[in-house]
C-alpha cells in the first residue's frame, strides 16, 4: 500500500515513540523485583512517548490541535484538525512485562475521524487506515471476520472496576453474553481490541467507559475494514459516547441485542 503524506507523518511519529517505549519495556522486568516497583518508571515512559509524538506531529502540522491522554487538550489555530493520541495503550500490561500494548494516533477533521495508526511495537504490527482507502496491517488489506453466528464467535471486552453501578452492569453483560459465544477475551488495550477485530482475529467487541483516544484510532480501522460500530443504544459510533459495540453486520446486531438487554 502506498501511504499518503499524512499517514507517513503519523506512522513516523508512532514508530519513533514506540522505539523509546521498547527500550523502556526492556527495563521493566528489572524493576519488577525492586522494592519501589516500576509504576513511576512506566508513567514517565508514557509521558516521554507522548512528548515524542507531540513534537513530531507539531513539526509536520503546526496548526493542528491535540487531545492527549497525558497532556490534555491543546487548541489548534486552524480550527478544523485535531490529533487524538494514546502513547501507551495497555499501561498495566507494560507495567507487568506483558508485551501487548500499542501506540495509537488518530486525526479528526471537522469532527470526523479521517485517519488512524495503531502500532504494536513488540509484535511489530502496524495497523493503518485513512478514509476511503481501506484498513491495512503491514501493507496487507484487512476485512472483518465473516462469521454470522454469535455462538461461533470470539468476543473481546474490557473490564474496569470503579466501585460504581457500572461494575454491576459489566457483570450482567458478562453473564448474558459469555454463554452465547465461543469465548470472551480481554487484551487490556482498547486499541489492540479494535485492531484485532478489524483484522478478523476477534468477531465482536463491546466496552463502556472509554476515552476518546481509546476509540478514535480503532473507529477508523473498523469502518475501513467493513465493520459496524455503534454505542449501546445502536446509535452511530462516536468517539465521545464512551460506549462501543462492534463487529460485522450480523455479529454486531446479535451482540448489540444482548448488550441492550442488560441496561
Protein backbone atom coordinates (compact mmCIF):
# COMPACT_ATOMS: atom_id res chain seq x y z
CA UNK A 1 0.00 0.00 0.00
CA UNK A 2 1.29 3.46 -0.91
CA UNK A 3 0.85 5.60 2.19
CA UNK A 4 -0.25 9.21 1.87
CA UNK A 5 1.93 12.03 3.17
CA UNK A 6 -0.43 12.31 6.13
CA UNK A 7 -0.15 8.66 7.08
CA UNK A 8 3.62 8.80 6.65
CA UNK A 9 3.74 11.55 9.25
CA UNK A 10 1.57 9.58 11.65
CA UNK A 11 3.47 6.34 11.14
CA UNK A 12 6.79 8.09 11.65
CA UNK A 13 5.63 9.62 14.92
CA UNK A 14 4.21 6.33 16.19
CA UNK A 15 7.36 4.37 15.30
CA UNK A 16 9.66 6.93 16.93
CA UNK A 17 7.65 6.88 20.16
CA UNK A 18 7.46 3.09 20.05
CA UNK A 19 11.24 2.79 19.82
CA UNK A 20 11.51 4.68 23.09
CA UNK A 21 8.81 2.53 24.66
CA UNK A 22 10.54 -0.65 23.51
CA UNK A 23 13.77 0.45 25.19
CA UNK A 24 11.85 1.27 28.37
CA UNK A 25 9.99 -2.03 28.19
CA UNK A 26 13.32 -3.79 28.34
CA UNK A 27 13.92 -2.19 31.73
CA UNK A 28 10.58 -3.12 33.28
CA UNK A 29 11.49 -6.70 34.16
CA UNK A 30 14.47 -5.46 36.15
CA UNK A 31 12.27 -3.01 38.01
CA UNK A 32 9.69 -5.69 38.85
CA UNK A 33 11.97 -7.09 41.54
CA UNK A 34 12.78 -3.76 43.16
CA UNK A 35 11.03 -2.64 46.31
CA UNK A 36 9.64 0.51 44.73
CA UNK A 37 8.40 -1.30 41.64
CA UNK A 38 8.09 0.02 38.09
CA UNK A 39 4.98 2.22 38.36
CA UNK A 40 6.79 5.58 38.36
CA UNK A 41 9.11 4.42 35.60
CA UNK A 42 6.19 3.41 33.37
CA UNK A 43 4.37 6.68 33.99
CA UNK A 44 7.48 8.55 32.84
CA UNK A 45 7.77 6.28 29.81
CA UNK A 46 4.18 7.12 28.89
CA UNK A 47 4.84 10.85 29.10
CA UNK A 48 8.08 10.61 27.14
CA UNK A 49 6.35 8.74 24.33
CA UNK A 50 3.56 11.30 24.19
CA UNK A 51 6.09 14.15 24.05
CA UNK A 52 7.84 12.49 21.11
CA UNK A 53 4.56 12.14 19.20
CA UNK A 54 3.53 15.70 20.04
CA UNK A 55 6.85 17.10 18.82
CA UNK A 56 6.81 15.09 15.58
CA UNK A 57 3.22 15.98 14.69
CA UNK A 58 3.60 19.63 15.69
CA UNK A 59 6.62 19.97 13.45
CA UNK A 60 4.75 18.48 10.49
CA UNK A 61 1.38 20.18 11.04
CA UNK A 62 1.90 23.22 13.31
CA UNK A 63 -1.69 24.49 13.05
CA UNK A 64 -3.37 21.29 14.29
CA UNK A 65 -4.74 20.84 17.80
CA UNK A 66 -4.29 17.93 20.20
CA UNK A 67 -6.31 15.78 22.59
CA UNK A 68 -3.90 13.60 24.55
CA UNK A 69 -4.27 11.09 27.35
CA UNK A 70 -1.48 12.61 29.41
CA UNK A 71 -1.23 16.19 28.20
CA UNK A 72 -4.90 17.02 27.79
CA UNK A 73 -6.24 19.35 25.11
CA UNK A 74 -4.40 21.93 23.04
CA UNK A 75 -6.33 24.17 20.68
CA UNK A 76 -5.08 24.42 17.12
CA UNK A 77 -5.09 27.60 15.09
CA UNK A 78 -6.85 26.18 12.02
CA UNK A 79 -9.97 25.16 13.96
CA UNK A 80 -10.55 22.07 11.82
CA UNK A 81 -7.93 19.47 12.70
CA UNK A 82 -7.04 17.71 15.92
CA UNK A 83 -4.78 14.79 16.80
CA UNK A 84 -6.04 12.26 19.36
CA UNK A 85 -3.17 10.40 21.00
CA UNK A 86 -2.74 7.46 23.33
CA UNK A 87 1.03 6.96 23.54
CA UNK A 88 0.86 3.77 25.60
CA UNK A 89 -2.44 1.92 25.38
CA UNK A 90 -2.05 -1.07 27.65
CA UNK A 91 -0.16 0.56 30.51
CA UNK A 92 -0.96 -2.20 33.00
CA UNK A 93 0.34 -4.81 30.55
CA UNK A 94 3.51 -2.76 30.11
CA UNK A 95 3.82 -2.44 33.90
CA UNK A 96 3.73 -6.24 34.27
CA UNK A 97 6.10 -7.00 31.37
CA UNK A 98 3.24 -8.29 29.21
CA UNK A 99 4.22 -7.44 25.61
CA UNK A 100 0.74 -6.46 24.48
CA UNK A 101 0.45 -2.69 24.21
CA UNK A 102 0.18 -0.14 21.43
CA UNK A 103 0.81 3.43 20.40
CA UNK A 104 -2.31 4.93 18.86
CA UNK A 105 -2.88 8.15 16.88
CA UNK A 106 -5.98 9.42 15.09
CA UNK A 107 -6.71 12.58 13.14
CA UNK A 108 -10.03 14.36 13.48
CA UNK A 109 -11.10 16.76 10.73
CA UNK A 110 -14.16 18.94 11.31
CA UNK A 111 -15.43 16.47 13.91
CA UNK A 112 -14.84 13.34 11.82
CA UNK A 113 -12.04 10.80 12.26
CA UNK A 114 -10.28 10.55 8.90
CA UNK A 115 -7.02 8.67 9.58
CA UNK A 116 -5.51 6.40 12.22
CA UNK A 117 -2.42 4.46 13.16
CA UNK A 118 -2.12 1.73 15.79
CA UNK A 119 1.36 0.29 16.25
CA UNK A 120 2.18 -2.70 18.47
CA UNK A 121 5.98 -2.47 18.77
CA UNK A 122 6.81 -5.81 20.37
CA UNK A 123 4.78 -7.67 17.73
CA UNK A 124 5.89 -5.17 15.05
CA UNK A 125 2.32 -4.89 13.76
CA UNK A 126 1.38 -1.61 12.12
CA UNK A 127 -2.34 -1.01 11.56
CA UNK A 128 -3.29 1.97 9.41
CA UNK A 129 -6.46 3.40 7.94
CA UNK A 130 -7.42 6.51 6.05
CA UNK A 131 -10.91 7.49 4.95
CA UNK A 132 -11.80 5.85 1.67
CA UNK A 133 -8.55 3.89 1.26
CA UNK A 134 -9.13 0.78 3.38
CA UNK A 135 -7.61 -0.66 6.55
CA UNK A 136 -4.18 -2.28 6.47
CA UNK A 137 -1.83 -4.40 8.58
CA UNK A 138 1.79 -4.19 7.46
CA UNK A 139 0.60 -3.49 3.88
CA UNK A 140 -1.97 -6.32 3.91
CA UNK A 141 -5.60 -5.30 3.33
CA UNK A 142 -7.90 -6.02 6.27
CA UNK A 143 -11.50 -7.19 6.41
CA UNK A 144 -13.57 -8.03 9.46
CA UNK A 145 -14.28 -11.71 10.10
CA UNK A 146 -17.17 -13.32 8.22
CA UNK A 147 -18.76 -15.42 10.96
CA UNK A 148 -22.52 -14.97 11.18
CA UNK A 149 -23.42 -16.67 14.45
CA UNK A 150 -22.53 -15.36 17.89
CA UNK A 151 -22.20 -18.95 19.15
CA UNK A 152 -19.21 -19.44 16.83
CA UNK A 153 -17.60 -16.12 17.70
CA UNK A 154 -14.81 -14.94 19.99
CA UNK A 155 -15.75 -11.63 21.57
CA UNK A 156 -13.39 -9.17 23.25
CA UNK A 157 -14.20 -6.68 26.00
CA UNK A 158 -12.61 -4.51 28.65
CA UNK A 159 -13.37 -4.83 32.33
CA UNK A 160 -12.89 -1.88 34.65
CA UNK A 161 -13.52 -1.90 38.39
CA UNK A 162 -14.63 1.50 39.62
CA UNK A 163 -16.80 0.71 42.62
CA UNK A 164 -19.89 2.10 40.89
CA UNK A 165 -23.12 0.78 39.42
CA UNK A 166 -21.23 0.35 36.16
CA UNK A 167 -19.43 -2.61 37.74
CA UNK A 168 -22.71 -4.39 38.30
CA UNK A 169 -23.74 -3.71 34.71
CA UNK A 170 -20.44 -5.14 33.44
CA UNK A 171 -21.10 -8.35 35.38
CA UNK A 172 -24.63 -8.54 33.97
CA UNK A 173 -23.22 -8.14 30.47
CA UNK A 174 -20.64 -10.88 31.02
CA UNK A 175 -23.26 -13.24 32.44
CA UNK A 176 -25.53 -12.61 29.48
CA UNK A 177 -23.00 -12.57 26.66
CA UNK A 178 -20.44 -15.19 27.63
CA UNK A 179 -22.75 -18.26 27.38
CA UNK A 180 -23.90 -17.10 23.94
CA UNK A 181 -20.39 -17.05 22.45
CA UNK A 182 -17.45 -19.34 21.72
CA UNK A 183 -15.40 -17.34 24.21
CA UNK A 184 -14.64 -13.99 25.80
CA UNK A 185 -11.19 -12.40 25.69
CA UNK A 186 -9.58 -9.37 27.32
CA UNK A 187 -6.32 -7.90 25.98
CA UNK A 188 -6.05 -4.88 28.30
CA UNK A 189 -5.67 -2.49 25.34
CA UNK A 190 -8.69 -0.96 23.58
CA UNK A 191 -6.64 -0.03 20.51
CA UNK A 192 -5.47 -3.63 20.23
CA UNK A 193 -9.05 -4.84 20.60
CA UNK A 194 -10.18 -2.67 17.69
CA UNK A 195 -7.16 -3.55 15.55
CA UNK A 196 -7.54 -7.28 16.04
CA UNK A 197 -11.26 -7.00 15.39
CA UNK A 198 -10.58 -5.21 12.09
CA UNK A 199 -8.07 -7.97 11.25
CA UNK A 200 -10.66 -10.72 11.82
CA UNK A 201 -8.95 -12.19 14.89
CA UNK A 202 -11.92 -11.25 17.05
CA UNK A 203 -15.51 -11.34 15.84
CA UNK A 204 -17.08 -8.73 18.13
CA UNK A 205 -16.23 -6.14 20.75
CA UNK A 206 -18.14 -4.29 23.42
CA UNK A 207 -16.96 -1.94 26.13
CA UNK A 208 -18.09 1.13 28.05
CA UNK A 209 -16.34 3.98 29.84
CA UNK A 210 -13.87 4.54 27.03
CA UNK A 211 -11.98 7.78 26.45
CA UNK A 212 -11.92 9.46 23.00
CA UNK A 213 -8.30 8.40 22.40
CA UNK A 214 -9.32 4.80 23.14
CA UNK A 215 -11.97 4.85 20.43
CA UNK A 216 -10.77 7.17 17.66
CA UNK A 217 -7.97 5.11 16.06
CA UNK A 218 -9.96 1.87 16.11
CA UNK A 219 -13.13 3.50 14.82
CA UNK A 220 -11.45 4.42 11.56
CA UNK A 221 -9.92 0.95 11.20
CA UNK A 222 -13.26 -0.76 11.71
CA UNK A 223 -15.11 1.42 9.23
CA UNK A 224 -12.46 0.89 6.56
CA UNK A 225 -12.39 -2.88 7.25
CA UNK A 226 -16.12 -3.14 6.59
CA UNK A 227 -17.25 -3.32 10.21
CA UNK A 228 -20.10 -1.76 12.16
CA UNK A 229 -19.61 0.36 15.30
CA UNK A 230 -22.37 1.85 17.44
CA UNK A 231 -22.98 2.88 21.02
CA UNK A 232 -25.06 0.76 23.40
CA UNK A 233 -28.31 2.26 22.10
CA UNK A 234 -27.45 1.38 18.50
CA UNK A 235 -26.66 4.95 17.54
CA UNK A 236 -23.73 5.83 15.25
CA UNK A 237 -20.33 5.05 16.69
CA UNK A 238 -18.90 8.18 18.26
CA UNK A 239 -15.50 8.94 19.69
CA UNK A 240 -17.18 10.74 22.56
CA UNK A 241 -20.01 8.44 23.68
CA UNK A 242 -17.68 6.20 25.70
CA UNK A 243 -19.58 3.09 24.54
CA UNK A 244 -18.72 0.62 21.79
CA UNK A 245 -20.46 -2.37 20.22
CA UNK A 246 -18.64 -3.55 17.10
CA UNK A 247 -18.38 -6.41 14.62
CA UNK A 248 -19.56 -7.38 11.18
CA UNK A 249 -23.21 -6.65 10.42
CA UNK A 250 -24.54 -9.96 11.75
CA UNK A 251 -22.41 -10.25 14.89
CA UNK A 252 -22.84 -6.59 15.72
CA UNK A 253 -26.62 -6.96 15.65
CA UNK A 254 -26.65 -10.05 17.87
CA UNK A 255 -24.15 -8.58 20.32
CA UNK A 256 -26.00 -5.27 20.48
CA UNK A 257 -29.24 -7.07 21.37
CA UNK A 258 -27.56 -8.74 24.34
CA UNK A 259 -25.87 -5.55 25.49
CA UNK A 260 -29.19 -3.68 25.33
CA UNK A 261 -30.87 -6.37 27.43
CA UNK A 262 -28.54 -5.65 30.36
CA UNK A 263 -29.08 -1.89 30.63
